[in-house]
Amino acid sequence: MTNPVENAAYVSVGRACGFAGLGIFCIVAGLSFDAGLAAQVGGKLTITLSLILLVMAWRAPTRNYKRTETWLILPPGDRPRADVAQRLIGGTLREVYLWFAHQVAVITIIFSVSAIVLKARDLMV
């Protein structure tokens, strides 16, 4: 990640995912009285976040680069020329959105498997 555009994209998308993750964590923690329910809700919220990231990745190449947080984060000296900026920023954002969507999907699997195990355990007791 030595590329300034890549760094800015990771900061931008990472910050958004961090805030979403904080919200999901607070909801899951609030439901901790029922571990199975908390894991089930966590799985549903994280799959929703993953799907949102996939939609954002799909839209990234055509979204106006000047209206992205990545463009605003970049210092003026590190901003690419206008003739390549759309392709460079759009493509980089697409890759970063997909990377974060993959990471969130892994968390979704963990939540979902946990929910199944916890719900099965409750049925056996």
N, C-alpha and C. Protein backbone atom coordinates (compact mmCIF):
# COMPACT_ATOMS: atom_id res chain seq x y z
N MET A 1 0.82 -1.19 0.00
CA MET A 1 0.00 0.00 0.00
C MET A 1 0.87 1.25 0.00
N THR A 2 1.75 1.37 -0.93
CA THR A 2 2.58 2.56 -1.01
C THR A 2 1.94 3.63 -1.87
N ASN A 3 0.92 3.26 -2.60
CA ASN A 3 0.22 4.17 -3.49
C ASN A 3 -0.67 5.11 -2.66
N PRO A 4 -0.54 6.44 -2.80
CA PRO A 4 -1.37 7.36 -2.01
C PRO A 4 -2.87 7.19 -2.26
N VAL A 5 -3.25 6.85 -3.49
CA VAL A 5 -4.67 6.65 -3.80
C VAL A 5 -5.19 5.43 -3.05
N GLU A 6 -4.39 4.37 -3.04
CA GLU A 6 -4.77 3.16 -2.31
C GLU A 6 -4.88 3.42 -0.82
N ASN A 7 -3.92 4.14 -0.28
CA ASN A 7 -3.95 4.48 1.15
C ASN A 7 -5.21 5.27 1.49
N ALA A 8 -5.52 6.27 0.67
CA ALA A 8 -6.71 7.09 0.91
C ALA A 8 -7.99 6.26 0.80
N ALA A 9 -8.02 5.34 -0.14
CA ALA A 9 -9.20 4.49 -0.31
C ALA A 9 -9.38 3.58 0.90
N TYR A 10 -8.29 2.98 1.40
CA TYR A 10 -8.38 2.13 2.58
C TYR A 10 -8.81 2.93 3.81
N VAL A 11 -8.31 4.15 3.94
CA VAL A 11 -8.72 4.99 5.07
C VAL A 11 -10.21 5.31 4.97
N SER A 12 -10.65 5.69 3.79
CA SER A 12 -12.05 6.08 3.59
C SER A 12 -13.01 4.93 3.85
N VAL A 13 -12.79 3.80 3.19
CA VAL A 13 -13.68 2.66 3.33
C VAL A 13 -13.52 2.02 4.72
N GLY A 14 -12.30 1.97 5.22
CA GLY A 14 -12.06 1.41 6.53
C GLY A 14 -12.75 2.19 7.64
N ARG A 15 -12.74 3.50 7.52
CA ARG A 15 -13.42 4.33 8.52
C ARG A 15 -14.92 4.06 8.50
N ALA A 16 -15.50 3.99 7.32
CA ALA A 16 -16.94 3.72 7.20
C ALA A 16 -17.28 2.34 7.76
N CYS A 17 -16.47 1.35 7.44
CA CYS A 17 -16.71 0.00 7.97
C CYS A 17 -16.50 -0.04 9.48
N GLY A 18 -15.57 0.73 9.98
CA GLY A 18 -15.35 0.79 11.41
C GLY A 18 -16.56 1.34 12.15
N PHE A 19 -17.16 2.39 11.61
CA PHE A 19 -18.36 2.93 12.24
C PHE A 19 -19.52 1.96 12.15
N ALA A 20 -19.67 1.30 11.00
CA ALA A 20 -20.73 0.29 10.87
C ALA A 20 -20.47 -0.86 11.83
N GLY A 21 -19.23 -1.28 11.95
CA GLY A 21 -18.88 -2.36 12.87
C GLY A 21 -19.15 -1.98 14.33
N LEU A 22 -18.90 -0.73 14.67
CA LEU A 22 -19.18 -0.26 16.02
C LEU A 22 -20.69 -0.33 16.30
N GLY A 23 -21.48 0.08 15.33
CA GLY A 23 -22.93 -0.01 15.49
C GLY A 23 -23.40 -1.45 15.64
N ILE A 24 -22.86 -2.34 14.82
CA ILE A 24 -23.23 -3.76 14.89
C ILE A 24 -22.80 -4.33 16.25
N PHE A 25 -21.60 -3.98 16.69
CA PHE A 25 -21.12 -4.46 17.99
C PHE A 25 -22.05 -4.01 19.11
N CYS A 26 -22.48 -2.75 19.08
CA CYS A 26 -23.37 -2.24 20.14
C CYS A 26 -24.70 -2.99 20.16
N ILE A 27 -25.24 -3.27 18.99
CA ILE A 27 -26.51 -4.02 18.92
C ILE A 27 -26.32 -5.44 19.44
N VAL A 28 -25.24 -6.09 19.00
CA VAL A 28 -24.97 -7.47 19.45
C VAL A 28 -24.73 -7.49 20.97
N ALA A 29 -23.98 -6.52 21.47
CA ALA A 29 -23.73 -6.47 22.91
C ALA A 29 -25.04 -6.23 23.67
N GLY A 30 -25.93 -5.42 23.10
CA GLY A 30 -27.22 -5.17 23.74
C GLY A 30 -28.10 -6.41 23.80
N LEU A 31 -27.86 -7.34 22.89
CA LEU A 31 -28.64 -8.58 22.86
C LEU A 31 -27.91 -9.73 23.55
N SER A 32 -26.87 -9.43 24.29
CA SER A 32 -26.05 -10.49 24.88
C SER A 32 -26.78 -11.33 25.92
N PHE A 33 -27.95 -10.90 26.36
CA PHE A 33 -28.73 -11.73 27.28
C PHE A 33 -29.17 -13.04 26.62
N ASP A 34 -29.22 -13.05 25.28
CA ASP A 34 -29.55 -14.26 24.51
C ASP A 34 -28.48 -14.42 23.44
N ALA A 35 -27.47 -15.23 23.73
CA ALA A 35 -26.31 -15.35 22.85
C ALA A 35 -26.69 -15.81 21.44
N GLY A 36 -27.64 -16.73 21.34
CA GLY A 36 -28.06 -17.22 20.03
C GLY A 36 -28.70 -16.12 19.21
N LEU A 37 -29.56 -15.33 19.83
CA LEU A 37 -30.19 -14.21 19.15
C LEU A 37 -29.16 -13.16 18.75
N ALA A 38 -28.23 -12.88 19.65
CA ALA A 38 -27.19 -11.89 19.37
C ALA A 38 -26.36 -12.31 18.15
N ALA A 39 -25.99 -13.60 18.08
CA ALA A 39 -25.20 -14.09 16.95
C ALA A 39 -26.02 -14.07 15.66
N GLN A 40 -27.30 -14.39 15.77
CA GLN A 40 -28.17 -14.38 14.59
C GLN A 40 -28.33 -12.96 14.04
N VAL A 41 -28.58 -12.01 14.92
CA VAL A 41 -28.72 -10.62 14.50
C VAL A 41 -27.39 -10.10 13.95
N GLY A 42 -26.29 -10.45 14.61
CA GLY A 42 -24.97 -10.06 14.12
C GLY A 42 -24.71 -10.58 12.71
N GLY A 43 -25.12 -11.83 12.46
CA GLY A 43 -24.97 -12.40 11.11
C GLY A 43 -25.79 -11.66 10.08
N LYS A 44 -27.01 -11.32 10.44
CA LYS A 44 -27.87 -10.60 9.48
C LYS A 44 -27.35 -9.19 9.21
N LEU A 45 -26.86 -8.52 10.25
CA LEU A 45 -26.34 -7.17 10.06
C LEU A 45 -25.05 -7.16 9.26
N THR A 46 -24.18 -8.15 9.51
CA THR A 46 -22.92 -8.17 8.77
C THR A 46 -23.12 -8.59 7.31
N ILE A 47 -24.08 -9.48 7.04
CA ILE A 47 -24.34 -9.82 5.63
C ILE A 47 -24.92 -8.61 4.91
N THR A 48 -25.71 -7.82 5.62
CA THR A 48 -26.25 -6.59 5.02
C THR A 48 -25.11 -5.63 4.69
N LEU A 49 -24.16 -5.48 5.62
CA LEU A 49 -23.01 -4.62 5.37
C LEU A 49 -22.19 -5.14 4.19
N SER A 50 -22.01 -6.44 4.12
CA SER A 50 -21.25 -7.03 3.01
C SER A 50 -21.95 -6.77 1.67
N LEU A 51 -23.26 -6.90 1.64
CA LEU A 51 -24.01 -6.63 0.41
C LEU A 51 -23.93 -5.16 0.02
N ILE A 52 -23.98 -4.28 1.00
CA ILE A 52 -23.83 -2.84 0.71
C ILE A 52 -22.45 -2.57 0.11
N LEU A 53 -21.43 -3.19 0.66
CA LEU A 53 -20.08 -3.02 0.12
C LEU A 53 -19.97 -3.56 -1.30
N LEU A 54 -20.66 -4.66 -1.59
CA LEU A 54 -20.65 -5.20 -2.96
C LEU A 54 -21.33 -4.24 -3.94
N VAL A 55 -22.42 -3.63 -3.52
CA VAL A 55 -23.10 -2.65 -4.37
C VAL A 55 -22.20 -1.44 -4.59
N MET A 56 -21.54 -1.00 -3.53
CA MET A 56 -20.63 0.14 -3.66
C MET A 56 -19.47 -0.21 -4.61
N ALA A 57 -18.97 -1.44 -4.54
CA ALA A 57 -17.90 -1.88 -5.45
C ALA A 57 -18.39 -1.88 -6.89
N TRP A 58 -19.62 -2.30 -7.09
CA TRP A 58 -20.20 -2.35 -8.43
C TRP A 58 -20.34 -0.94 -9.01
N ARG A 59 -20.69 0.02 -8.16
CA ARG A 59 -20.90 1.40 -8.60
C ARG A 59 -19.62 2.23 -8.68
N ALA A 60 -18.57 1.79 -8.00
CA ALA A 60 -17.34 2.59 -7.86
C ALA A 60 -16.73 3.06 -9.18
N PRO A 61 -16.60 2.20 -10.20
CA PRO A 61 -15.94 2.66 -11.43
C PRO A 61 -16.65 3.81 -12.14
N THR A 62 -17.96 3.93 -11.95
CA THR A 62 -18.69 4.98 -12.67
C THR A 62 -19.06 6.17 -11.78
N ARG A 63 -18.79 6.08 -10.49
CA ARG A 63 -19.10 7.18 -9.60
C ARG A 63 -18.10 8.31 -9.83
N ASN A 64 -18.57 9.55 -9.87
CA ASN A 64 -17.71 10.70 -10.11
C ASN A 64 -16.61 10.76 -9.06
N TYR A 65 -15.37 10.67 -9.49
CA TYR A 65 -14.24 10.59 -8.57
C TYR A 65 -14.13 11.82 -7.68
N LYS A 66 -14.57 12.98 -8.17
CA LYS A 66 -14.47 14.21 -7.38
C LYS A 66 -15.45 14.24 -6.22
N ARG A 67 -16.42 13.32 -6.24
CA ARG A 67 -17.42 13.27 -5.17
C ARG A 67 -17.15 12.12 -4.19
N THR A 68 -15.93 11.60 -4.22
CA THR A 68 -15.58 10.51 -3.30
C THR A 68 -14.74 11.07 -2.15
N GLU A 69 -14.83 10.39 -1.02
CA GLU A 69 -14.02 10.79 0.13
C GLU A 69 -12.54 10.53 -0.16
N THR A 70 -12.28 9.52 -0.96
CA THR A 70 -10.89 9.22 -1.33
C THR A 70 -10.24 10.42 -1.99
N TRP A 71 -10.93 11.06 -2.91
CA TRP A 71 -10.41 12.25 -3.60
C TRP A 71 -10.18 13.38 -2.60
N LEU A 72 -11.09 13.55 -1.66
CA LEU A 72 -10.96 14.63 -0.68
C LEU A 72 -9.82 14.39 0.30
N ILE A 73 -9.54 13.12 0.60
CA ILE A 73 -8.46 12.79 1.53
C ILE A 73 -7.10 13.05 0.90
N LEU A 74 -7.00 12.84 -0.40
CA LEU A 74 -5.72 12.98 -1.08
C LEU A 74 -5.23 14.43 -1.03
N PRO A 75 -3.97 14.64 -0.63
CA PRO A 75 -3.42 15.99 -0.73
C PRO A 75 -3.36 16.40 -2.20
N PRO A 76 -3.54 17.68 -2.49
CA PRO A 76 -3.55 18.12 -3.90
C PRO A 76 -2.35 17.65 -4.71
N GLY A 77 -1.19 17.52 -4.10
CA GLY A 77 -0.01 17.07 -4.82
C GLY A 77 -0.04 15.59 -5.19
N ASP A 78 -0.86 14.80 -4.48
CA ASP A 78 -0.94 13.36 -4.76
C ASP A 78 -2.12 12.99 -5.63
N ARG A 79 -2.93 13.96 -5.99
CA ARG A 79 -4.11 13.66 -6.81
C ARG A 79 -3.70 13.38 -8.26
N PRO A 80 -4.28 12.33 -8.84
CA PRO A 80 -3.93 12.02 -10.25
C PRO A 80 -4.52 13.05 -11.21
N ARG A 81 -3.95 13.08 -12.41
CA ARG A 81 -4.47 13.99 -13.45
C ARG A 81 -5.91 13.61 -13.78
N ALA A 82 -6.68 14.56 -14.23
CA ALA A 82 -8.10 14.36 -14.51
C ALA A 82 -8.33 13.27 -15.55
N ASP A 83 -7.43 13.13 -16.51
CA ASP A 83 -7.65 12.15 -17.59
C ASP A 83 -7.50 10.69 -17.11
N VAL A 84 -6.84 10.47 -15.98
CA VAL A 84 -6.72 9.11 -15.46
C VAL A 84 -7.38 8.93 -14.10
N ALA A 85 -7.81 10.01 -13.50
CA ALA A 85 -8.34 9.96 -12.13
C ALA A 85 -9.57 9.06 -12.01
N GLN A 86 -10.50 9.17 -12.96
CA GLN A 86 -11.72 8.37 -12.87
C GLN A 86 -11.41 6.87 -12.87
N ARG A 87 -10.56 6.47 -13.79
CA ARG A 87 -10.22 5.05 -13.91
C ARG A 87 -9.41 4.59 -12.70
N LEU A 88 -8.46 5.39 -12.25
CA LEU A 88 -7.59 5.01 -11.14
C LEU A 88 -8.36 4.98 -9.81
N ILE A 89 -9.08 6.01 -9.50
CA ILE A 89 -9.80 6.07 -8.23
C ILE A 89 -10.97 5.08 -8.23
N GLY A 90 -11.71 5.03 -9.33
CA GLY A 90 -12.82 4.08 -9.41
C GLY A 90 -12.36 2.64 -9.28
N GLY A 91 -11.28 2.29 -9.96
CA GLY A 91 -10.76 0.93 -9.89
C GLY A 91 -10.20 0.59 -8.52
N THR A 92 -9.50 1.54 -7.93
CA THR A 92 -8.94 1.32 -6.59
C THR A 92 -10.06 1.16 -5.57
N LEU A 93 -11.06 2.03 -5.63
CA LEU A 93 -12.19 1.91 -4.70
C LEU A 93 -12.91 0.58 -4.87
N ARG A 94 -13.04 0.12 -6.11
CA ARG A 94 -13.69 -1.16 -6.35
C ARG A 94 -12.94 -2.28 -5.65
N GLU A 95 -11.63 -2.31 -5.81
CA GLU A 95 -10.82 -3.34 -5.16
C GLU A 95 -10.92 -3.26 -3.63
N VAL A 96 -10.89 -2.05 -3.09
CA VAL A 96 -10.93 -1.88 -1.64
C VAL A 96 -12.31 -2.28 -1.10
N TYR A 97 -13.38 -1.88 -1.77
CA TYR A 97 -14.72 -2.30 -1.35
C TYR A 97 -14.84 -3.83 -1.35
N LEU A 98 -14.31 -4.46 -2.39
CA LEU A 98 -14.38 -5.92 -2.46
C LEU A 98 -13.55 -6.57 -1.35
N TRP A 99 -12.40 -5.99 -1.03
CA TRP A 99 -11.58 -6.55 0.04
C TRP A 99 -12.33 -6.48 1.37
N PHE A 100 -12.93 -5.33 1.66
CA PHE A 100 -13.68 -5.19 2.91
C PHE A 100 -14.93 -6.07 2.90
N ALA A 101 -15.59 -6.21 1.77
CA ALA A 101 -16.77 -7.08 1.68
C ALA A 101 -16.37 -8.52 2.00
N HIS A 102 -15.21 -8.94 1.53
CA HIS A 102 -14.73 -10.29 1.82
C HIS A 102 -14.47 -10.47 3.32
N GLN A 103 -13.83 -9.48 3.93
CA GLN A 103 -13.54 -9.56 5.36
C GLN A 103 -14.83 -9.62 6.18
N VAL A 104 -15.82 -8.81 5.80
CA VAL A 104 -17.10 -8.79 6.51
C VAL A 104 -17.84 -10.11 6.27
N ALA A 105 -17.70 -10.69 5.09
CA ALA A 105 -18.35 -11.98 4.82
C ALA A 105 -17.79 -13.08 5.72
N VAL A 106 -16.50 -13.04 6.01
CA VAL A 106 -15.90 -14.00 6.92
C VAL A 106 -16.51 -13.83 8.32
N ILE A 107 -16.69 -12.60 8.75
CA ILE A 107 -17.31 -12.33 10.05
C ILE A 107 -18.76 -12.83 10.04
N THR A 108 -19.45 -12.67 8.91
CA THR A 108 -20.82 -13.17 8.78
C THR A 108 -20.86 -14.68 8.99
N ILE A 109 -19.92 -15.39 8.40
CA ILE A 109 -19.86 -16.84 8.55
C ILE A 109 -19.65 -17.21 10.01
N ILE A 110 -18.77 -16.50 10.68
CA ILE A 110 -18.52 -16.78 12.10
C ILE A 110 -19.79 -16.55 12.92
N PHE A 111 -20.46 -15.42 12.69
CA PHE A 111 -21.71 -15.15 13.39
C PHE A 111 -22.75 -16.23 13.09
N SER A 112 -22.89 -16.59 11.83
CA SER A 112 -23.93 -17.55 11.44
C SER A 112 -23.69 -18.93 12.02
N VAL A 113 -22.45 -19.40 11.96
CA VAL A 113 -22.12 -20.70 12.55
C VAL A 113 -22.34 -20.65 14.07
N SER A 114 -21.95 -19.56 14.69
CA SER A 114 -22.17 -19.41 16.13
C SER A 114 -23.65 -19.44 16.46
N ALA A 115 -24.46 -18.78 15.65
CA ALA A 115 -25.90 -18.76 15.89
C ALA A 115 -26.49 -20.17 15.78
N ILE A 116 -26.07 -20.92 14.78
CA ILE A 116 -26.56 -22.29 14.60
C ILE A 116 -26.18 -23.15 15.80
N VAL A 117 -24.93 -23.07 16.22
CA VAL A 117 -24.46 -23.88 17.35
C VAL A 117 -25.20 -23.48 18.62
N LEU A 118 -25.34 -22.19 18.86
CA LEU A 118 -26.00 -21.73 20.09
C LEU A 118 -27.49 -22.07 20.09
N LYS A 119 -28.14 -21.95 18.95
CA LYS A 119 -29.56 -22.30 18.88
C LYS A 119 -29.76 -23.82 19.04
N ALA A 120 -28.85 -24.61 18.46
CA ALA A 120 -28.94 -26.08 18.61
C ALA A 120 -28.70 -26.48 20.06
N ARG A 121 -27.76 -25.81 20.71
CA ARG A 121 -27.49 -26.09 22.11
C ARG A 121 -28.73 -25.79 22.97
N ASP A 122 -29.42 -24.68 22.66
CA ASP A 122 -30.63 -24.32 23.40
C ASP A 122 -31.74 -25.35 23.20
N LEU A 123 -31.81 -25.94 22.02
CA LEU A 123 -32.83 -26.95 21.74
C LEU A 123 -32.55 -28.25 22.50
N MET A 124 -31.28 -28.55 22.72
CA MET A 124 -30.91 -29.80 23.41
C MET A 124 -31.14 -29.71 24.91
N VAL A 125 -31.11 -28.52 25.45
CA VAL A 125 -31.24 -28.37 26.91
C VAL A 125 -32.68 -28.41 27.34
